């Protein structure tokens, strides 16, 4: 895998159990700070759909 610049939400500055994302021109990579070797790859369309679902409350418990 290419060298990626991982980013996490500002609320996770301590690094405990945080989502991390790295965005390239064609792929969005997602991982947890707890398991940095387990990386999910999404297309930009899948990333937009995921964000829309989160914003629309589709994952609220």
Protein backbone atom coordinates (compact mmCIF):
# COMPACT_ATOMS: atom_id res chain seq x y z
CA UNK A 1 0.00 0.00 0.00
CA UNK A 2 1.23 3.49 -0.79
CA UNK A 3 2.24 5.84 2.01
CA UNK A 4 -0.96 7.44 3.26
CA UNK A 5 -1.64 10.53 5.32
CA UNK A 6 -4.06 9.35 8.01
CA UNK A 7 -6.33 11.90 9.66
CA UNK A 8 -8.62 11.59 12.66
CA UNK A 9 -11.30 13.84 14.16
CA UNK A 10 -10.04 16.65 16.39
CA UNK A 11 -12.08 15.15 19.24
CA UNK A 12 -9.74 12.14 19.10
CA UNK A 13 -6.49 13.93 19.78
CA UNK A 14 -5.58 11.37 22.46
CA UNK A 15 -5.78 8.55 19.87
CA UNK A 16 -8.04 6.26 21.91
CA UNK A 17 -10.43 4.26 19.74
CA UNK A 18 -10.69 6.76 16.92
CA UNK A 19 -11.70 6.42 13.28
CA UNK A 20 -8.97 7.39 10.84
CA UNK A 21 -9.30 8.23 7.16
CA UNK A 22 -6.84 8.67 4.30
CA UNK A 23 -8.12 10.04 0.99
CA UNK A 24 -6.43 9.65 -2.38
CA UNK A 25 -7.66 10.62 -5.84
CA UNK A 26 -9.54 7.33 -6.34
CA UNK A 27 -9.84 5.60 -2.97
CA UNK A 28 -10.86 6.45 0.58
CA UNK A 29 -9.22 4.29 3.25
CA UNK A 30 -10.79 3.81 6.67
CA UNK A 31 -9.40 2.20 9.81
CA UNK A 32 -9.65 2.24 13.58
CA UNK A 33 -6.77 3.48 15.71
CA UNK A 34 -7.26 0.26 17.73
CA UNK A 35 -6.62 -1.94 14.67
CA UNK A 36 -4.52 0.09 12.24
CA UNK A 37 -3.72 -2.95 10.08
CA UNK A 38 -7.42 -3.59 9.33
CA UNK A 39 -8.06 -1.12 6.51
CA UNK A 40 -11.27 -0.77 4.49
CA UNK A 41 -11.12 0.62 0.94
CA UNK A 42 -14.04 2.60 -0.44
CA UNK A 43 -14.58 4.23 -3.78
CA UNK A 44 -15.36 7.94 -3.67
CA UNK A 45 -19.02 7.10 -4.46
CA UNK A 46 -19.16 4.62 -1.55
CA UNK A 47 -17.58 7.25 0.73
CA UNK A 48 -20.22 9.83 -0.28
CA UNK A 49 -22.98 7.25 0.35
CA UNK A 50 -21.53 6.40 3.78
CA UNK A 51 -21.33 10.07 4.78
CA UNK A 52 -24.88 10.70 3.54
CA UNK A 53 -26.13 7.72 5.56
CA UNK A 54 -24.38 8.99 8.69
CA UNK A 55 -25.78 12.49 8.24
CA UNK A 56 -29.28 11.09 7.63
CA UNK A 57 -29.18 9.04 10.83
CA UNK A 58 -29.23 5.63 9.12
CA UNK A 59 -26.75 4.26 11.66
CA UNK A 60 -28.24 5.74 14.81
CA UNK A 61 -28.95 3.16 17.47
